[in-house]
Amino acid sequence: MVTPLSSATPRTAAGQNRTVERALDLLALVCDGGAPTLSECARRSQLPASTALRLLRTLEVRGFVRRDGDGSFIPGTRVLQVGALALGRQSLVRLSAPGLQRIVEMTGESAYLSMRGPGDTAVYVAVAEGTRAVRHTSWVGRSVPMEGLAVGVVLTGRTPPCGYVAQRDLIEPDVTAVVAPVTWPGGIAGAMSLLGPTYRISDATMEEYGRIVGAEARRVSEQFGDPTARPPSHGGTR
């Protein structure tokens, strides 16, 4: 005896499909930016406010949207995670993977690729995990505010002439971050980072790691055809 996959009638199935379409439309609206309020979501989606609220609450429970301090809706962490997985198929991640692995081989520390996310955030989209017993664990799919972080300095185009930024992390004070930009014609494509325990990374080690990360980031930039990718001057920013 074969059990049917669904007992829904055509009318019920059509209604379910419409609900999914409306939820996806709302999600796309929120991801477009501007932190829309409930009334704006209802107006722009042409849905009753009660329907929009019900769908947005479902998306919020699932982590696809969240509310900021004034009640407006912004993309949730689940959207960023799904986006990170999708980005994993793009050429930037593919071209960066060998360099991330070389960073791990030369330092033993975890290496990441990040890109700008919604608003003033950075999203980690790829990792080569370190080989040491104590190491930074995967942040793939995680978004962080760029303000005050080395990755934010790099992704906003403020990398110093040395070609990298190294600092003690503000989110995890016991972690040191060393970050360099991946560029392509027209701007910043992403950032390659090394993250490791601060107790293991002295100032001298930071400079050594900065040269390693910077060299790998330039190698990827050259593959993108960036004519400005070249060896930097000496000295780092911490």
C-alpha atoms as a PDB file:
ATOM      1  CA  MET A   1       0.000   0.000   0.000  1.00  0.00           C
ATOM      2  CA  VAL A   2       1.381   3.388  -1.014  1.00  0.00           C
ATOM      3  CA  THR A   3       0.793   6.263   1.387  1.00  0.00           C
ATOM      4  CA  PRO A   4       0.148   9.554  -0.423  1.00  0.00           C
ATOM      5  CA  LEU A   5       2.636  12.342   0.311  1.00  0.00           C
ATOM      6  CA  SER A   6      -0.158  14.809   0.975  1.00  0.00           C
ATOM      7  CA  SER A   7      -3.881  14.627   1.416  1.00  0.00           C
ATOM      8  CA  ALA A   8      -4.375  18.314   0.635  1.00  0.00           C
ATOM      9  CA  THR A   9      -7.014  19.166  -1.938  1.00  0.00           C
ATOM     10  CA  PRO A  10      -6.034  21.323  -4.923  1.00  0.00           C
ATOM     11  CA  ARG A  11      -7.778  24.291  -3.282  1.00  0.00           C
ATOM     12  CA  THR A  12      -5.895  23.764   0.003  1.00  0.00           C
ATOM     13  CA  ALA A  13      -2.584  23.379  -1.811  1.00  0.00           C
ATOM     14  CA  ALA A  14      -3.194  26.578  -3.734  1.00  0.00           C
ATOM     15  CA  GLY A  15      -3.864  28.392  -0.479  1.00  0.00           C
ATOM     16  CA  GLN A  16      -0.663  27.042   1.041  1.00  0.00           C
ATOM     17  CA  ASN A  17       1.314  28.135  -1.992  1.00  0.00           C
ATOM     18  CA  ARG A  18      -0.147  31.624  -1.751  1.00  0.00           C
ATOM     19  CA  THR A  19       0.842  31.826   1.917  1.00  0.00           C
ATOM     20  CA  VAL A  20       4.411  30.865   1.048  1.00  0.00           C
ATOM     21  CA  GLU A  21       4.497  33.438  -1.752  1.00  0.00           C
ATOM     22  CA  ARG A  22       3.305  36.165   0.583  1.00  0.00           C
ATOM     23  CA  ALA A  23       5.861  35.241   3.236  1.00  0.00           C
ATOM     24  CA  LEU A  24       8.669  35.256   0.678  1.00  0.00           C
ATOM     25  CA  ASP A  25       7.501  38.623  -0.663  1.00  0.00           C
ATOM     26  CA  LEU A  26       7.638  40.044   2.865  1.00  0.00           C
ATOM     27  CA  LEU A  27      11.065  38.556   3.443  1.00  0.00           C
ATOM     28  CA  ALA A  28      12.347  40.100   0.209  1.00  0.00           C
ATOM     29  CA  LEU A  29      10.842  43.432   1.230  1.00  0.00           C
ATOM     30  CA  VAL A  30      12.645  43.348   4.579  1.00  0.00           C
ATOM     31  CA  CYS A  31      15.930  42.326   2.928  1.00  0.00           C
ATOM     32  CA  ASP A  32      15.695  45.236   0.487  1.00  0.00           C
ATOM     33  CA  GLY A  33      16.704  47.473   3.381  1.00  0.00           C
ATOM     34  CA  GLY A  34      15.301  50.515   5.096  1.00  0.00           C
ATOM     35  CA  ALA A  35      14.050  48.618   8.173  1.00  0.00           C
ATOM     36  CA  PRO A  36      10.338  48.827   7.278  1.00  0.00           C
ATOM     37  CA  THR A  37       7.683  49.034   9.971  1.00  0.00           C
ATOM     38  CA  LEU A  38       4.647  46.765  10.090  1.00  0.00           C
ATOM     39  CA  SER A  39       2.474  49.390   8.412  1.00  0.00           C
ATOM     40  CA  GLU A  40       5.059  49.845   5.637  1.00  0.00           C
ATOM     41  CA  CYS A  41       5.279  46.088   5.118  1.00  0.00           C
ATOM     42  CA  ALA A  42       1.501  45.835   4.866  1.00  0.00           C
ATOM     43  CA  ARG A  43       1.235  48.782   2.477  1.00  0.00           C
ATOM     44  CA  ARG A  44       4.069  47.726   0.178  1.00  0.00           C
ATOM     45  CA  SER A  45       2.957  44.076   0.066  1.00  0.00           C
ATOM     46  CA  GLN A  46      -0.707  45.064  -0.298  1.00  0.00           C
ATOM     47  CA  LEU A  47      -1.659  42.790   2.578  1.00  0.00           C
ATOM     48  CA  PRO A  48      -3.918  43.474   5.567  1.00  0.00           C
ATOM     49  CA  ALA A  49      -1.815  44.479   8.575  1.00  0.00           C
ATOM     50  CA  SER A  50      -3.055  41.430  10.502  1.00  0.00           C
ATOM     51  CA  THR A  51      -1.909  39.064   7.729  1.00  0.00           C
ATOM     52  CA  ALA A  52       1.451  40.796   7.377  1.00  0.00           C
ATOM     53  CA  LEU A  53       1.991  40.625  11.147  1.00  0.00           C
ATOM     54  CA  ARG A  54       1.134  36.922  11.288  1.00  0.00           C
ATOM     55  CA  LEU A  55       3.571  36.091   8.488  1.00  0.00           C
ATOM     56  CA  LEU A  56       6.317  38.323   9.881  1.00  0.00           C
ATOM     57  CA  ARG A  57       5.954  36.710  13.300  1.00  0.00           C
ATOM     58  CA  THR A  58       6.408  33.290  11.700  1.00  0.00           C
ATOM     59  CA  LEU A  59       9.523  34.519   9.908  1.00  0.00           C
ATOM     60  CA  GLU A  60      10.767  36.020  13.177  1.00  0.00           C
ATOM     61  CA  VAL A  61      10.302  32.754  15.082  1.00  0.00           C
ATOM     62  CA  ARG A  62      12.265  30.953  12.359  1.00  0.00           C
ATOM     63  CA  GLY A  63      15.070  33.505  12.535  1.00  0.00           C
ATOM     64  CA  PHE A  64      14.575  34.968   9.060  1.00  0.00           C
ATOM     65  CA  VAL A  65      13.641  38.441  10.323  1.00  0.00           C
ATOM     66  CA  ARG A  66      13.998  40.264  13.612  1.00  0.00           C
ATOM     67  CA  ARG A  67      12.872  43.560  15.084  1.00  0.00           C
ATOM     68  CA  ASP A  68      15.209  46.363  15.972  1.00  0.00           C
ATOM     69  CA  GLY A  69      14.780  48.724  18.905  1.00  0.00           C
ATOM     70  CA  ASP A  70      11.911  50.747  17.414  1.00  0.00           C
ATOM     71  CA  GLY A  71       9.974  47.711  16.192  1.00  0.00           C
ATOM     72  CA  SER A  72      11.051  47.892  12.559  1.00  0.00           C
ATOM     73  CA  PHE A  73      11.878  44.664  10.749  1.00  0.00           C
ATOM     74  CA  ILE A  74      15.413  43.767   9.612  1.00  0.00           C
ATOM     75  CA  PRO A  75      16.983  40.558   8.210  1.00  0.00           C
ATOM     76  CA  GLY A  76      17.593  37.844  10.798  1.00  0.00           C
ATOM     77  CA  THR A  77      20.572  35.585  11.297  1.00  0.00           C
ATOM     78  CA  ARG A  78      18.982  32.709   9.395  1.00  0.00           C
ATOM     79  CA  VAL A  79      18.870  34.808   6.224  1.00  0.00           C
ATOM     80  CA  LEU A  80      22.576  35.518   6.626  1.00  0.00           C
ATOM     81  CA  GLN A  81      23.332  31.844   7.128  1.00  0.00           C
ATOM     82  CA  VAL A  82      21.398  30.854   4.020  1.00  0.00           C
ATOM     83  CA  GLY A  83      23.060  33.675   2.110  1.00  0.00           C
ATOM     84  CA  ALA A  84      26.482  32.545   3.263  1.00  0.00           C
ATOM     85  CA  LEU A  85      25.807  29.056   1.939  1.00  0.00           C
ATOM     86  CA  ALA A  86      24.732  30.509  -1.395  1.00  0.00           C
ATOM     87  CA  LEU A  87      27.808  32.708  -1.548  1.00  0.00           C
ATOM     88  CA  GLY A  88      29.910  29.612  -0.998  1.00  0.00           C
ATOM     89  CA  ARG A  89      29.282  28.730  -4.644  1.00  0.00           C
ATOM     90  CA  GLN A  90      30.497  32.019  -5.966  1.00  0.00           C
ATOM     91  CA  SER A  91      33.894  32.632  -7.467  1.00  0.00           C
ATOM     92  CA  LEU A  92      35.242  34.715  -4.578  1.00  0.00           C
ATOM     93  CA  VAL A  93      34.917  31.814  -2.168  1.00  0.00           C
ATOM     94  CA  ARG A  94      36.267  29.357  -4.723  1.00  0.00           C
ATOM     95  CA  LEU A  95      39.319  31.478  -5.513  1.00  0.00           C
ATOM     96  CA  SER A  96      40.000  32.231  -1.846  1.00  0.00           C
ATOM     97  CA  ALA A  97      39.851  28.633  -0.609  1.00  0.00           C
ATOM     98  CA  PRO A  98      43.459  27.677  -1.479  1.00  0.00           C
ATOM     99  CA  GLY A  99      44.779  30.844   0.151  1.00  0.00           C
ATOM    100  CA  LEU A 100      42.799  30.235   3.329  1.00  0.00           C
ATOM    101  CA  GLN A 101      44.247  26.747   3.495  1.00  0.00           C
ATOM    102  CA  ARG A 102      47.782  28.067   2.989  1.00  0.00           C
ATOM    103  CA  ILE A 103      47.283  30.518   5.861  1.00  0.00           C
ATOM    104  CA  VAL A 104      46.327  27.596   8.098  1.00  0.00           C
ATOM    105  CA  GLU A 105      49.322  25.569   6.921  1.00  0.00           C
ATOM    106  CA  MET A 106      51.745  28.425   7.659  1.00  0.00           C
ATOM    107  CA  THR A 107      50.254  29.546  10.998  1.00  0.00           C
ATOM    108  CA  GLY A 108      48.044  26.792  12.400  1.00  0.00           C
ATOM    109  CA  GLU A 109      45.340  29.411  13.059  1.00  0.00           C
ATOM    110  CA  SER A 110      41.827  29.552  11.583  1.00  0.00           C
ATOM    111  CA  ALA A 111      41.407  31.612   8.402  1.00  0.00           C
ATOM    112  CA  TYR A 112      38.198  33.235   7.169  1.00  0.00           C
ATOM    113  CA  LEU A 113      36.731  35.011   4.180  1.00  0.00           C
ATOM    114  CA  SER A 114      34.157  37.704   4.863  1.00  0.00           C
ATOM    115  CA  MET A 115      32.046  40.093   2.805  1.00  0.00           C
ATOM    116  CA  ARG A 116      29.873  43.098   3.529  1.00  0.00           C
ATOM    117  CA  GLY A 117      26.425  42.144   4.793  1.00  0.00           C
ATOM    118  CA  PRO A 118      23.181  44.079   5.247  1.00  0.00           C
ATOM    119  CA  GLY A 119      23.680  47.526   6.748  1.00  0.00           C
ATOM    120  CA  ASP A 120      26.964  48.066   8.541  1.00  0.00           C
ATOM    121  CA  THR A 121      27.744  44.385   9.044  1.00  0.00           C
ATOM    122  CA  ALA A 122      30.244  41.845   7.796  1.00  0.00           C
ATOM    123  CA  VAL A 123      29.299  38.229   7.075  1.00  0.00           C
ATOM    124  CA  TYR A 124      31.751  35.337   7.310  1.00  0.00           C
ATOM    125  CA  VAL A 125      31.235  33.176   4.230  1.00  0.00           C
ATOM    126  CA  ALA A 126      34.099  30.645   4.267  1.00  0.00           C
ATOM    127  CA  VAL A 127      36.609  29.147   6.697  1.00  0.00           C
ATOM    128  CA  ALA A 128      39.669  26.933   6.805  1.00  0.00           C
ATOM    129  CA  GLU A 129      39.751  25.743  10.396  1.00  0.00           C
ATOM    130  CA  GLY A 130      43.012  25.890  12.316  1.00  0.00           C
ATOM    131  CA  THR A 131      44.985  22.809  13.234  1.00  0.00           C
ATOM    132  CA  ARG A 132      45.922  23.703  16.811  1.00  0.00           C
ATOM    133  CA  ALA A 133      44.198  22.117  19.812  1.00  0.00           C
ATOM    134  CA  VAL A 134      42.970  25.547  20.953  1.00  0.00           C
ATOM    135  CA  ARG A 135      41.650  27.357  17.902  1.00  0.00           C
ATOM    136  CA  HIS A 136      38.935  29.726  16.748  1.00  0.00           C
ATOM    137  CA  THR A 137      35.849  27.755  15.703  1.00  0.00           C
ATOM    138  CA  SER A 138      33.786  28.351  12.588  1.00  0.00           C
ATOM    139  CA  TRP A 139      31.900  31.633  12.231  1.00  0.00           C
ATOM    140  CA  VAL A 140      30.561  30.834   8.755  1.00  0.00           C
ATOM    141  CA  GLY A 141      27.150  32.430   8.345  1.00  0.00           C
ATOM    142  CA  ARG A 142      27.662  34.762  11.292  1.00  0.00           C
ATOM    143  CA  SER A 143      27.304  38.519  10.891  1.00  0.00           C
ATOM    144  CA  VAL A 144      29.154  41.049  13.035  1.00  0.00           C
ATOM    145  CA  PRO A 145      28.918  44.846  13.252  1.00  0.00           C
ATOM    146  CA  MET A 146      31.821  46.424  11.395  1.00  0.00           C
ATOM    147  CA  GLU A 147      32.215  49.350  13.778  1.00  0.00           C
ATOM    148  CA  GLY A 148      35.458  49.117  15.712  1.00  0.00           C
ATOM    149  CA  LEU A 149      36.572  45.810  14.187  1.00  0.00           C
ATOM    150  CA  ALA A 150      39.559  45.096  11.956  1.00  0.00           C
ATOM    151  CA  VAL A 151      37.292  43.506   9.340  1.00  0.00           C
ATOM    152  CA  GLY A 152      35.243  46.717   9.291  1.00  0.00           C
ATOM    153  CA  VAL A 153      38.311  48.838   8.657  1.00  0.00           C
ATOM    154  CA  VAL A 154      39.265  46.610   5.724  1.00  0.00           C
ATOM    155  CA  LEU A 155      35.811  46.246   4.162  1.00  0.00           C
ATOM    156  CA  THR A 156      35.233  50.014   4.270  1.00  0.00           C
ATOM    157  CA  GLY A 157      38.449  50.650   2.356  1.00  0.00           C
ATOM    158  CA  ARG A 158      40.571  52.046   5.208  1.00  0.00           C
ATOM    159  CA  THR A 159      43.399  49.497   5.150  1.00  0.00           C
ATOM    160  CA  PRO A 160      46.732  51.248   5.895  1.00  0.00           C
ATOM    161  CA  PRO A 161      49.675  51.175   3.461  1.00  0.00           C
ATOM    162  CA  CYS A 162      51.087  48.037   5.113  1.00  0.00           C
ATOM    163  CA  GLY A 163      48.242  46.106   3.458  1.00  0.00           C
ATOM    164  CA  TYR A 164      46.578  44.648   6.554  1.00  0.00           C
ATOM    165  CA  VAL A 165      44.936  45.493   9.884  1.00  0.00           C
ATOM    166  CA  ALA A 166      45.754  43.630  13.099  1.00  0.00           C
ATOM    167  CA  GLN A 167      44.053  44.169  16.440  1.00  0.00           C
ATOM    168  CA  ARG A 168      42.732  42.548  19.566  1.00  0.00           C
ATOM    169  CA  ASP A 169      39.110  41.706  18.809  1.00  0.00           C
ATOM    170  CA  LEU A 170      36.351  43.762  20.463  1.00  0.00           C
ATOM    171  CA  ILE A 171      33.724  41.024  20.263  1.00  0.00           C
ATOM    172  CA  GLU A 172      36.029  38.351  21.678  1.00  0.00           C
ATOM    173  CA  PRO A 173      38.766  40.182  23.673  1.00  0.00           C
ATOM    174  CA  ASP A 174      40.849  37.027  23.981  1.00  0.00           C
ATOM    175  CA  VAL A 175      41.042  36.751  20.173  1.00  0.00           C
ATOM    176  CA  THR A 176      43.398  38.601  17.826  1.00  0.00           C
ATOM    177  CA  ALA A 177      42.316  39.342  14.255  1.00  0.00           C
ATOM    178  CA  VAL A 178      44.620  39.935  11.292  1.00  0.00           C
ATOM    179  CA  VAL A 179      42.709  41.068   8.193  1.00  0.00           C
ATOM    180  CA  ALA A 180      43.626  42.021   4.615  1.00  0.00           C
ATOM    181  CA  PRO A 181      41.451  43.149   1.698  1.00  0.00           C
ATOM    182  CA  VAL A 182      40.612  41.164  -1.406  1.00  0.00           C
ATOM    183  CA  THR A 183      40.103  43.686  -4.185  1.00  0.00           C
ATOM    184  CA  TRP A 184      38.849  43.645  -7.726  1.00  0.00           C
ATOM    185  CA  PRO A 185      38.491  46.391 -10.327  1.00  0.00           C
ATOM    186  CA  GLY A 186      36.139  48.878  -8.732  1.00  0.00           C
ATOM    187  CA  GLY A 187      36.573  48.227  -5.037  1.00  0.00           C
ATOM    188  CA  ILE A 188      36.704  45.817  -2.119  1.00  0.00           C
ATOM    189  CA  ALA A 189      35.456  42.308  -2.889  1.00  0.00           C
ATOM    190  CA  GLY A 190      35.947  40.884   0.594  1.00  0.00           C
ATOM    191  CA  ALA A 191      38.432  40.328   3.392  1.00  0.00           C
ATOM    192  CA  MET A 192      40.696  37.443   4.339  1.00  0.00           C
ATOM    193  CA  SER A 193      41.246  37.076   8.072  1.00  0.00           C
ATOM    194  CA  LEU A 194      43.279  35.089  10.541  1.00  0.00           C
ATOM    195  CA  LEU A 195      41.754  34.688  14.009  1.00  0.00           C
ATOM    196  CA  GLY A 196      43.617  33.146  16.909  1.00  0.00           C
ATOM    197  CA  PRO A 197      43.966  33.302  20.702  1.00  0.00           C
ATOM    198  CA  THR A 198      45.605  36.523  21.847  1.00  0.00           C
ATOM    199  CA  TYR A 199      47.927  34.755  24.292  1.00  0.00           C
ATOM    200  CA  ARG A 200      49.563  33.005  21.339  1.00  0.00           C
ATOM    201  CA  ILE A 201      49.998  36.037  19.063  1.00  0.00           C
ATOM    202  CA  SER A 202      52.651  38.554  20.098  1.00  0.00           C
ATOM    203  CA  ASP A 203      53.226  41.868  18.334  1.00  0.00           C
ATOM    204  CA  ALA A 204      56.035  40.311  16.292  1.00  0.00           C
ATOM    205  CA  THR A 205      53.826  37.353  15.388  1.00  0.00           C
ATOM    206  CA  MET A 206      51.040  39.736  14.372  1.00  0.00           C
ATOM    207  CA  GLU A 207      53.333  41.402  11.863  1.00  0.00           C
ATOM    208  CA  GLU A 208      54.448  38.058  10.488  1.00  0.00           C
ATOM    209  CA  TYR A 209      50.833  36.908  10.159  1.00  0.00           C
ATOM    210  CA  GLY A 210      49.919  40.236   8.572  1.00  0.00           C
ATOM    211  CA  ARG A 211      52.438  39.646   5.799  1.00  0.00           C
ATOM    212  CA  ILE A 212      51.098  36.115   5.273  1.00  0.00           C
ATOM    213  CA  VAL A 213      47.430  37.116   5.154  1.00  0.00           C
ATOM    214  CA  GLY A 214      48.199  40.168   3.010  1.00  0.00           C
ATOM    215  CA  ALA A 215      50.123  38.082   0.493  1.00  0.00           C
ATOM    216  CA  GLU A 216      47.281  35.575   0.122  1.00  0.00           C
ATOM    217  CA  ALA A 217      44.697  38.347  -0.233  1.00  0.00           C
ATOM    218  CA  ARG A 218      46.786  39.993  -2.959  1.00  0.00           C
ATOM    219  CA  ARG A 219      47.094  36.668  -4.757  1.00  0.00           C
ATOM    220  CA  VAL A 220      43.295  36.405  -4.962  1.00  0.00           C
ATOM    221  CA  SER A 221      43.034  40.069  -5.983  1.00  0.00           C
ATOM    222  CA  GLU A 222      45.438  39.427  -8.855  1.00  0.00           C
ATOM    223  CA  GLN A 223      43.255  36.539 -10.033  1.00  0.00           C
ATOM    224  CA  PHE A 224      40.350  38.992 -10.172  1.00  0.00           C
ATOM    225  CA  GLY A 225      42.456  41.198 -12.422  1.00  0.00           C
ATOM    226  CA  ASP A 226      42.973  44.054  -9.977  1.00  0.00           C
ATOM    227  CA  PRO A 227      45.901  46.055 -11.403  1.00  0.00           C
ATOM    228  CA  THR A 228      46.500  47.800  -8.057  1.00  0.00           C
ATOM    229  CA  ALA A 229      47.307  44.588  -6.145  1.00  0.00           C
ATOM    230  CA  ARG A 230      50.972  44.926  -5.205  1.00  0.00           C
ATOM    231  CA  PRO A 231      53.322  44.341  -2.255  1.00  0.00           C
ATOM    232  CA  PRO A 232      52.742  46.913   0.525  1.00  0.00           C
ATOM    233  CA  SER A 233      55.082  49.006   2.638  1.00  0.00           C
ATOM    234  CA  HIS A 234      56.156  47.648   6.042  1.00  0.00           C
ATOM    235  CA  GLY A 235      54.469  48.161   9.425  1.00  0.00           C
ATOM    236  CA  GLY A 236      51.002  47.270  10.665  1.00  0.00           C
ATOM    237  CA  THR A 237      48.023  48.869  12.363  1.00  0.00           C
ATOM    238  CA  ARG A 238      46.864  47.548  15.724  1.00  0.00           C
END
